[in-house]
Amino acid sequence: MKSIFTFDSMLTPKLVTILYWLLIAASIITGLTTMFAGYYGVTAESVIMGLLTIVGGMLAARIWCELMIVIFKINENLQALREKHDA
């Protein structure tokens, strides 16, 4: 617990995983809503747009979360180099 309050340990990488699954759920819900909530019923266009929303949302969520993790991995590596240099 002390490492969290002194910022020796990063909490955000753990939260990124939770955020990733929330973004996946939001992507699926938005895609399904796009498919089935049209004014003119279910059309081929709404199904295609819904599928593209689901796939695009999942891809965008994955890329964004991976970029966030990369930033924290760089931080961890820099801390390891500093500790190695100081020793």
PDB file of N, CA and C in Angstrom:
ATOM      1  N   MET A   1       0.823  -1.190   0.000  1.00  0.00           N
ATOM      2  CA  MET A   1       0.000   0.000   0.000  1.00  0.00           C
ATOM      3  C   MET A   1       0.867   1.253   0.000  1.00  0.00           C
ATOM      4  N   LYS A   2       2.013   1.175   0.663  1.00  0.00           N
ATOM      5  CA  LYS A   2       2.909   2.326   0.738  1.00  0.00           C
ATOM      6  C   LYS A   2       3.411   2.717  -0.650  1.00  0.00           C
ATOM      7  N   SER A   3       3.673   1.721  -1.507  1.00  0.00           N
ATOM      8  CA  SER A   3       4.202   2.017  -2.843  1.00  0.00           C
ATOM      9  C   SER A   3       3.199   2.802  -3.683  1.00  0.00           C
ATOM     10  N   ILE A   4       1.907   2.611  -3.431  1.00  0.00           N
ATOM     11  CA  ILE A   4       0.887   3.360  -4.173  1.00  0.00           C
ATOM     12  C   ILE A   4       0.872   4.814  -3.733  1.00  0.00           C
ATOM     13  N   PHE A   5       0.973   5.057  -2.420  1.00  0.00           N
ATOM     14  CA  PHE A   5       0.926   6.420  -1.917  1.00  0.00           C
ATOM     15  C   PHE A   5       2.206   7.200  -2.189  1.00  0.00           C
ATOM     16  N   THR A   6       3.323   6.510  -2.398  1.00  0.00           N
ATOM     17  CA  THR A   6       4.582   7.192  -2.689  1.00  0.00           C
ATOM     18  C   THR A   6       4.903   7.190  -4.179  1.00  0.00           C
ATOM     19  N   PHE A   7       4.004   6.680  -5.002  1.00  0.00           N
ATOM     20  CA  PHE A   7       4.147   6.623  -6.461  1.00  0.00           C
ATOM     21  C   PHE A   7       5.342   5.782  -6.902  1.00  0.00           C
ATOM     22  N   ASP A   8       5.733   4.801  -6.093  1.00  0.00           N
ATOM     23  CA  ASP A   8       6.771   3.862  -6.509  1.00  0.00           C
ATOM     24  C   ASP A   8       6.189   2.786  -7.416  1.00  0.00           C
ATOM     25  N   SER A   9       4.916   2.545  -7.271  1.00  0.00           N
ATOM     26  CA  SER A   9       4.224   1.557  -8.090  1.00  0.00           C
ATOM     27  C   SER A   9       3.128   2.262  -8.874  1.00  0.00           C
ATOM     28  N   MET A  10       2.977   1.884 -10.125  1.00  0.00           N
ATOM     29  CA  MET A  10       1.974   2.521 -10.970  1.00  0.00           C
ATOM     30  C   MET A  10       0.654   1.767 -10.881  1.00  0.00           C
ATOM     31  N   LEU A  11      -0.414   2.485 -10.647  1.00  0.00           N
ATOM     32  CA  LEU A  11      -1.738   1.914 -10.533  1.00  0.00           C
ATOM     33  C   LEU A  11      -2.460   1.892 -11.881  1.00  0.00           C
ATOM     34  N   THR A  12      -2.134   2.820 -12.746  1.00  0.00           N
ATOM     35  CA  THR A  12      -2.850   2.986 -14.004  1.00  0.00           C
ATOM     36  C   THR A  12      -2.776   1.777 -14.928  1.00  0.00           C
ATOM     37  N   PRO A  13      -1.652   1.067 -15.053  1.00  0.00           N
ATOM     38  CA  PRO A  13      -1.674  -0.097 -15.948  1.00  0.00           C
ATOM     39  C   PRO A  13      -2.737  -1.127 -15.558  1.00  0.00           C
ATOM     40  N   LYS A  14      -3.025  -1.262 -14.296  1.00  0.00           N
ATOM     41  CA  LYS A  14      -4.078  -2.182 -13.874  1.00  0.00           C
ATOM     42  C   LYS A  14      -5.454  -1.639 -14.275  1.00  0.00           C
ATOM     43  N   LEU A  15      -5.598  -0.336 -14.200  1.00  0.00           N
ATOM     44  CA  LEU A  15      -6.866   0.278 -14.573  1.00  0.00           C
ATOM     45  C   LEU A  15      -7.096   0.266 -16.081  1.00  0.00           C
ATOM     46  N   VAL A  16      -6.020   0.240 -16.867  1.00  0.00           N
ATOM     47  CA  VAL A  16      -6.151   0.208 -18.320  1.00  0.00           C
ATOM     48  C   VAL A  16      -6.850  -1.075 -18.761  1.00  0.00           C
ATOM     49  N   THR A  17      -6.589  -2.175 -18.077  1.00  0.00           N
ATOM     50  CA  THR A  17      -7.253  -3.432 -18.417  1.00  0.00           C
ATOM     51  C   THR A  17      -8.755  -3.329 -18.188  1.00  0.00           C
ATOM     52  N   ILE A  18      -9.154  -2.746 -17.082  1.00  0.00           N
ATOM     53  CA  ILE A  18     -10.579  -2.554 -16.796  1.00  0.00           C
ATOM     54  C   ILE A  18     -11.200  -1.623 -17.832  1.00  0.00           C
ATOM     55  N   LEU A  19     -10.501  -0.549 -18.137  1.00  0.00           N
ATOM     56  CA  LEU A  19     -10.988   0.404 -19.132  1.00  0.00           C
ATOM     57  C   LEU A  19     -11.128  -0.252 -20.501  1.00  0.00           C
ATOM     58  N   TYR A  20     -10.195  -1.138 -20.845  1.00  0.00           N
ATOM     59  CA  TYR A  20     -10.258  -1.846 -22.129  1.00  0.00           C
ATOM     60  C   TYR A  20     -11.556  -2.645 -22.234  1.00  0.00           C
ATOM     61  N   TRP A  21     -11.897  -3.389 -21.192  1.00  0.00           N
ATOM     62  CA  TRP A  21     -13.116  -4.200 -21.252  1.00  0.00           C
ATOM     63  C   TRP A  21     -14.367  -3.327 -21.259  1.00  0.00           C
ATOM     64  N   LEU A  22     -14.331  -2.187 -20.600  1.00  0.00           N
ATOM     65  CA  LEU A  22     -15.461  -1.259 -20.660  1.00  0.00           C
ATOM     66  C   LEU A  22     -15.629  -0.677 -22.063  1.00  0.00           C
ATOM     67  N   LEU A  23     -14.512  -0.363 -22.702  1.00  0.00           N
ATOM     68  CA  LEU A  23     -14.574   0.151 -24.078  1.00  0.00           C
ATOM     69  C   LEU A  23     -15.081  -0.911 -25.054  1.00  0.00           C
ATOM     70  N   ILE A  24     -14.689  -2.167 -24.849  1.00  0.00           N
ATOM     71  CA  ILE A  24     -15.190  -3.259 -25.685  1.00  0.00           C
ATOM     72  C   ILE A  24     -16.707  -3.379 -25.521  1.00  0.00           C
ATOM     73  N   ALA A  25     -17.181  -3.341 -24.283  1.00  0.00           N
ATOM     74  CA  ALA A  25     -18.624  -3.434 -24.025  1.00  0.00           C
ATOM     75  C   ALA A  25     -19.363  -2.264 -24.663  1.00  0.00           C
ATOM     76  N   ALA A  26     -18.806  -1.069 -24.546  1.00  0.00           N
ATOM     77  CA  ALA A  26     -19.429   0.112 -25.151  1.00  0.00           C
ATOM     78  C   ALA A  26     -19.472  -0.008 -26.664  1.00  0.00           C
ATOM     79  N   SER A  27     -18.426  -0.555 -27.253  1.00  0.00           N
ATOM     80  CA  SER A  27     -18.380  -0.747 -28.696  1.00  0.00           C
ATOM     81  C   SER A  27     -19.465  -1.724 -29.150  1.00  0.00           C
ATOM     82  N   ILE A  28     -19.628  -2.803 -28.424  1.00  0.00           N
ATOM     83  CA  ILE A  28     -20.650  -3.795 -28.780  1.00  0.00           C
ATOM     84  C   ILE A  28     -22.053  -3.216 -28.627  1.00  0.00           C
ATOM     85  N   ILE A  29     -22.291  -2.519 -27.535  1.00  0.00           N
ATOM     86  CA  ILE A  29     -23.612  -1.922 -27.301  1.00  0.00           C
ATOM     87  C   ILE A  29     -23.934  -0.888 -28.366  1.00  0.00           C
ATOM     88  N   THR A  30     -22.950  -0.050 -28.701  1.00  0.00           N
ATOM     89  CA  THR A  30     -23.163   0.969 -29.729  1.00  0.00           C
ATOM     90  C   THR A  30     -23.423   0.335 -31.092  1.00  0.00           C
ATOM     91  N   GLY A  31     -22.666  -0.710 -31.410  1.00  0.00           N
ATOM     92  CA  GLY A  31     -22.872  -1.390 -32.684  1.00  0.00           C
ATOM     93  C   GLY A  31     -24.231  -2.049 -32.778  1.00  0.00           C
ATOM     94  N   LEU A  32     -24.651  -2.708 -31.710  1.00  0.00           N
ATOM     95  CA  LEU A  32     -25.971  -3.344 -31.714  1.00  0.00           C
ATOM     96  C   LEU A  32     -27.086  -2.303 -31.787  1.00  0.00           C
ATOM     97  N   THR A  33     -26.893  -1.185 -31.104  1.00  0.00           N
ATOM     98  CA  THR A  33     -27.873  -0.105 -31.172  1.00  0.00           C
ATOM     99  C   THR A  33     -27.965   0.445 -32.587  1.00  0.00           C
ATOM    100  N   THR A  34     -26.823   0.586 -33.244  1.00  0.00           N
ATOM    101  CA  THR A  34     -26.806   1.063 -34.619  1.00  0.00           C
ATOM    102  C   THR A  34     -27.545   0.089 -35.538  1.00  0.00           C
ATOM    103  N   MET A  35     -27.396  -1.190 -35.287  1.00  0.00           N
ATOM    104  CA  MET A  35     -28.053  -2.190 -36.134  1.00  0.00           C
ATOM    105  C   MET A  35     -29.567  -2.201 -35.966  1.00  0.00           C
ATOM    106  N   PHE A  36     -30.036  -2.122 -34.735  1.00  0.00           N
ATOM    107  CA  PHE A  36     -31.441  -2.412 -34.466  1.00  0.00           C
ATOM    108  C   PHE A  36     -32.290  -1.215 -34.071  1.00  0.00           C
ATOM    109  N   ALA A  37     -31.747  -0.034 -34.012  1.00  0.00           N
ATOM    110  CA  ALA A  37     -32.537   1.115 -33.579  1.00  0.00           C
ATOM    111  C   ALA A  37     -32.757   2.127 -34.702  1.00  0.00           C
ATOM    112  N   GLY A  38     -32.787   1.665 -35.918  1.00  0.00           N
ATOM    113  CA  GLY A  38     -32.997   2.581 -37.036  1.00  0.00           C
ATOM    114  C   GLY A  38     -34.454   2.996 -37.162  1.00  0.00           C
ATOM    115  N   TYR A  39     -34.688   4.109 -37.839  1.00  0.00           N
ATOM    116  CA  TYR A  39     -36.047   4.606 -38.038  1.00  0.00           C
ATOM    117  C   TYR A  39     -36.833   3.715 -38.994  1.00  0.00           C
ATOM    118  N   TYR A  40     -36.142   3.074 -39.911  1.00  0.00           N
ATOM    119  CA  TYR A  40     -36.810   2.274 -40.937  1.00  0.00           C
ATOM    120  C   TYR A  40     -36.646   0.782 -40.695  1.00  0.00           C
ATOM    121  N   GLY A  41     -36.353   0.369 -39.470  1.00  0.00           N
ATOM    122  CA  GLY A  41     -36.170  -1.041 -39.169  1.00  0.00           C
ATOM    123  C   GLY A  41     -34.745  -1.472 -39.464  1.00  0.00           C
ATOM    124  N   VAL A  42     -34.543  -2.774 -39.476  1.00  0.00           N
ATOM    125  CA  VAL A  42     -33.212  -3.326 -39.731  1.00  0.00           C
ATOM    126  C   VAL A  42     -32.991  -3.378 -41.235  1.00  0.00           C
ATOM    127  N   THR A  43     -31.994  -2.619 -41.686  1.00  0.00           N
ATOM    128  CA  THR A  43     -31.637  -2.624 -43.102  1.00  0.00           C
ATOM    129  C   THR A  43     -30.216  -3.140 -43.251  1.00  0.00           C
ATOM    130  N   ALA A  44     -29.854  -3.442 -44.473  1.00  0.00           N
ATOM    131  CA  ALA A  44     -28.502  -3.932 -44.733  1.00  0.00           C
ATOM    132  C   ALA A  44     -27.466  -2.882 -44.343  1.00  0.00           C
ATOM    133  N   GLU A  45     -27.783  -1.621 -44.608  1.00  0.00           N
ATOM    134  CA  GLU A  45     -26.850  -0.543 -44.277  1.00  0.00           C
ATOM    135  C   GLU A  45     -26.640  -0.428 -42.769  1.00  0.00           C
ATOM    136  N   SER A  46     -27.733  -0.564 -42.005  1.00  0.00           N
ATOM    137  CA  SER A  46     -27.596  -0.434 -40.548  1.00  0.00           C
ATOM    138  C   SER A  46     -26.820  -1.615 -39.964  1.00  0.00           C
ATOM    139  N   VAL A  47     -26.993  -2.808 -40.531  1.00  0.00           N
ATOM    140  CA  VAL A  47     -26.241  -3.966 -40.057  1.00  0.00           C
ATOM    141  C   VAL A  47     -24.759  -3.793 -40.375  1.00  0.00           C
ATOM    142  N   ILE A  48     -24.453  -3.328 -41.573  1.00  0.00           N
ATOM    143  CA  ILE A  48     -23.048  -3.112 -41.960  1.00  0.00           C
ATOM    144  C   ILE A  48     -22.421  -2.037 -41.088  1.00  0.00           C
ATOM    145  N   MET A  49     -23.135  -0.943 -40.869  1.00  0.00           N
ATOM    146  CA  MET A  49     -22.602   0.128 -40.021  1.00  0.00           C
ATOM    147  C   MET A  49     -22.428  -0.344 -38.580  1.00  0.00           C
ATOM    148  N   GLY A  50     -23.346  -1.154 -38.098  1.00  0.00           N
ATOM    149  CA  GLY A  50     -23.220  -1.694 -36.746  1.00  0.00           C
ATOM    150  C   GLY A  50     -22.009  -2.597 -36.614  1.00  0.00           C
ATOM    151  N   LEU A  51     -21.792  -3.466 -37.592  1.00  0.00           N
ATOM    152  CA  LEU A  51     -20.623  -4.349 -37.561  1.00  0.00           C
ATOM    153  C   LEU A  51     -19.322  -3.558 -37.662  1.00  0.00           C
ATOM    154  N   LEU A  52     -19.329  -2.541 -38.520  1.00  0.00           N
ATOM    155  CA  LEU A  52     -18.125  -1.696 -38.628  1.00  0.00           C
ATOM    156  C   LEU A  52     -17.871  -0.933 -37.329  1.00  0.00           C
ATOM    157  N   THR A  53     -18.936  -0.519 -36.663  1.00  0.00           N
ATOM    158  CA  THR A  53     -18.789   0.166 -35.383  1.00  0.00           C
ATOM    159  C   THR A  53     -18.187  -0.769 -34.339  1.00  0.00           C
ATOM    160  N   ILE A  54     -18.668  -2.003 -34.303  1.00  0.00           N
ATOM    161  CA  ILE A  54     -18.148  -2.962 -33.329  1.00  0.00           C
ATOM    162  C   ILE A  54     -16.674  -3.253 -33.599  1.00  0.00           C
ATOM    163  N   VAL A  55     -16.351  -3.587 -34.843  1.00  0.00           N
ATOM    164  CA  VAL A  55     -14.967  -3.937 -35.182  1.00  0.00           C
ATOM    165  C   VAL A  55     -14.043  -2.734 -35.022  1.00  0.00           C
ATOM    166  N   GLY A  56     -14.480  -1.580 -35.526  1.00  0.00           N
ATOM    167  CA  GLY A  56     -13.660  -0.371 -35.416  1.00  0.00           C
ATOM    168  C   GLY A  56     -13.464   0.061 -33.971  1.00  0.00           C
ATOM    169  N   GLY A  57     -14.515  -0.042 -33.179  1.00  0.00           N
ATOM    170  CA  GLY A  57     -14.414   0.322 -31.771  1.00  0.00           C
ATOM    171  C   GLY A  57     -13.479  -0.596 -31.007  1.00  0.00           C
ATOM    172  N   MET A  58     -13.568  -1.893 -31.296  1.00  0.00           N
ATOM    173  CA  MET A  58     -12.667  -2.843 -30.628  1.00  0.00           C
ATOM    174  C   MET A  58     -11.219  -2.592 -31.028  1.00  0.00           C
ATOM    175  N   LEU A  59     -11.001  -2.334 -32.294  1.00  0.00           N
ATOM    176  CA  LEU A  59      -9.638  -2.068 -32.774  1.00  0.00           C
ATOM    177  C   LEU A  59      -9.085  -0.778 -32.171  1.00  0.00           C
ATOM    178  N   ALA A  60      -9.897   0.265 -32.163  1.00  0.00           N
ATOM    179  CA  ALA A  60      -9.450   1.540 -31.598  1.00  0.00           C
ATOM    180  C   ALA A  60      -9.169   1.409 -30.099  1.00  0.00           C
ATOM    181  N   ALA A  61     -10.025   0.674 -29.380  1.00  0.00           N
ATOM    182  CA  ALA A  61      -9.812   0.472 -27.947  1.00  0.00           C
ATOM    183  C   ALA A  61      -8.512  -0.272 -27.695  1.00  0.00           C
ATOM    184  N   ARG A  62      -8.261  -1.298 -28.496  1.00  0.00           N
ATOM    185  CA  ARG A  62      -7.034  -2.088 -28.317  1.00  0.00           C
ATOM    186  C   ARG A  62      -5.793  -1.232 -28.574  1.00  0.00           C
ATOM    187  N   ILE A  63      -5.809  -0.469 -29.656  1.00  0.00           N
ATOM    188  CA  ILE A  63      -4.653   0.369 -29.993  1.00  0.00           C
ATOM    189  C   ILE A  63      -4.416   1.418 -28.913  1.00  0.00           C
ATOM    190  N   TRP A  64      -5.477   2.078 -28.455  1.00  0.00           N
ATOM    191  CA  TRP A  64      -5.327   3.116 -27.441  1.00  0.00           C
ATOM    192  C   TRP A  64      -4.785   2.538 -26.137  1.00  0.00           C
ATOM    193  N   CYS A  65      -5.324   1.393 -25.726  1.00  0.00           N
ATOM    194  CA  CYS A  65      -4.863   0.782 -24.478  1.00  0.00           C
ATOM    195  C   CYS A  65      -3.422   0.288 -24.597  1.00  0.00           C
ATOM    196  N   GLU A  66      -3.053  -0.263 -25.756  1.00  0.00           N
ATOM    197  CA  GLU A  66      -1.666  -0.690 -25.936  1.00  0.00           C
ATOM    198  C   GLU A  66      -0.710   0.491 -25.887  1.00  0.00           C
ATOM    199  N   LEU A  67      -1.101   1.619 -26.459  1.00  0.00           N
ATOM    200  CA  LEU A  67      -0.250   2.808 -26.401  1.00  0.00           C
ATOM    201  C   LEU A  67      -0.082   3.288 -24.961  1.00  0.00           C
ATOM    202  N   MET A  68      -1.146   3.223 -24.181  1.00  0.00           N
ATOM    203  CA  MET A  68      -1.039   3.604 -22.770  1.00  0.00           C
ATOM    204  C   MET A  68      -0.085   2.667 -22.030  1.00  0.00           C
ATOM    205  N   ILE A  69      -0.172   1.374 -22.287  1.00  0.00           N
ATOM    206  CA  ILE A  69       0.705   0.400 -21.632  1.00  0.00           C
ATOM    207  C   ILE A  69       2.154   0.623 -22.043  1.00  0.00           C
ATOM    208  N   VAL A  70       2.381   0.964 -23.314  1.00  0.00           N
ATOM    209  CA  VAL A  70       3.748   1.215 -23.782  1.00  0.00           C
ATOM    210  C   VAL A  70       4.366   2.371 -23.008  1.00  0.00           C
ATOM    211  N   ILE A  71       3.600   3.409 -22.766  1.00  0.00           N
ATOM    212  CA  ILE A  71       4.111   4.553 -22.006  1.00  0.00           C
ATOM    213  C   ILE A  71       4.548   4.112 -20.608  1.00  0.00           C
ATOM    214  N   PHE A  72       3.765   3.281 -19.965  1.00  0.00           N
ATOM    215  CA  PHE A  72       4.119   2.827 -18.627  1.00  0.00           C
ATOM    216  C   PHE A  72       5.279   1.840 -18.647  1.00  0.00           C
ATOM    217  N   LYS A  73       5.403   1.043 -19.702  1.00  0.00           N
ATOM    218  CA  LYS A  73       6.548   0.134 -19.822  1.00  0.00           C
ATOM    219  C   LYS A  73       7.842   0.936 -20.008  1.00  0.00           C
ATOM    220  N   ILE A  74       7.772   2.017 -20.762  1.00  0.00           N
ATOM    221  CA  ILE A  74       8.935   2.886 -20.922  1.00  0.00           C
ATOM    222  C   ILE A  74       9.341   3.445 -19.560  1.00  0.00           C
ATOM    223  N   ASN A  75       8.355   3.859 -18.763  1.00  0.00           N
ATOM    224  CA  ASN A  75       8.632   4.370 -17.420  1.00  0.00           C
ATOM    225  C   ASN A  75       9.314   3.309 -16.562  1.00  0.00           C
ATOM    226  N   GLU A  76       8.810   2.078 -16.603  1.00  0.00           N
ATOM    227  CA  GLU A  76       9.415   1.001 -15.815  1.00  0.00           C
ATOM    228  C   GLU A  76      10.858   0.753 -16.243  1.00  0.00           C
ATOM    229  N   ASN A  77      11.100   0.744 -17.545  1.00  0.00           N
ATOM    230  CA  ASN A  77      12.460   0.516 -18.038  1.00  0.00           C
ATOM    231  C   ASN A  77      13.403   1.653 -17.653  1.00  0.00           C
ATOM    232  N   LEU A  78      12.909   2.879 -17.693  1.00  0.00           N
ATOM    233  CA  LEU A  78      13.741   4.010 -17.278  1.00  0.00           C
ATOM    234  C   LEU A  78      14.062   3.942 -15.788  1.00  0.00           C
ATOM    235  N   GLN A  79      13.104   3.509 -14.971  1.00  0.00           N
ATOM    236  CA  GLN A  79      13.363   3.352 -13.545  1.00  0.00           C
ATOM    237  C   GLN A  79      14.401   2.257 -13.302  1.00  0.00           C
ATOM    238  N   ALA A  80      14.316   1.162 -14.057  1.00  0.00           N
ATOM    239  CA  ALA A  80      15.288   0.082 -13.900  1.00  0.00           C
ATOM    240  C   ALA A  80      16.684   0.544 -14.303  1.00  0.00           C
ATOM    241  N   LEU A  81      16.768   1.328 -15.376  1.00  0.00           N
ATOM    242  CA  LEU A  81      18.073   1.864 -15.788  1.00  0.00           C
ATOM    243  C   LEU A  81      18.642   2.817 -14.739  1.00  0.00           C
ATOM    244  N   ARG A  82      17.782   3.648 -14.140  1.00  0.00           N
ATOM    245  CA  ARG A  82      18.245   4.574 -13.121  1.00  0.00           C
ATOM    246  C   ARG A  82      18.745   3.824 -11.892  1.00  0.00           C
ATOM    247  N   GLU A  83      18.006   2.790 -11.484  1.00  0.00           N
ATOM    248  CA  GLU A  83      18.427   1.998 -10.328  1.00  0.00           C
ATOM    249  C   GLU A  83      19.735   1.272 -10.609  1.00  0.00           C
ATOM    250  N   LYS A  84      19.912   0.798 -11.826  1.00  0.00           N
ATOM    251  CA  LYS A  84      21.148   0.117 -12.217  1.00  0.00           C
ATOM    252  C   LYS A  84      22.310   1.106 -12.227  1.00  0.00           C
ATOM    253  N   HIS A  85      22.060   2.315 -12.701  1.00  0.00           N
ATOM    254  CA  HIS A  85      23.089   3.347 -12.771  1.00  0.00           C
ATOM    255  C   HIS A  85      23.484   3.816 -11.381  1.00  0.00           C
ATOM    256  N   ASP A  86      22.488   3.951 -10.477  1.00  0.00           N
ATOM    257  CA  ASP A  86      22.750   4.430  -9.120  1.00  0.00           C
ATOM    258  C   ASP A  86      23.477   3.400  -8.268  1.00  0.00           C
ATOM    259  N   ALA A  87      23.333   2.132  -8.629  1.00  0.00           N
ATOM    260  CA  ALA A  87      23.956   1.056  -7.805  1.00  0.00           C
ATOM    261  C   ALA A  87      25.423   0.897  -8.060  1.00  0.00           C
TER     262      ALA A  87
END
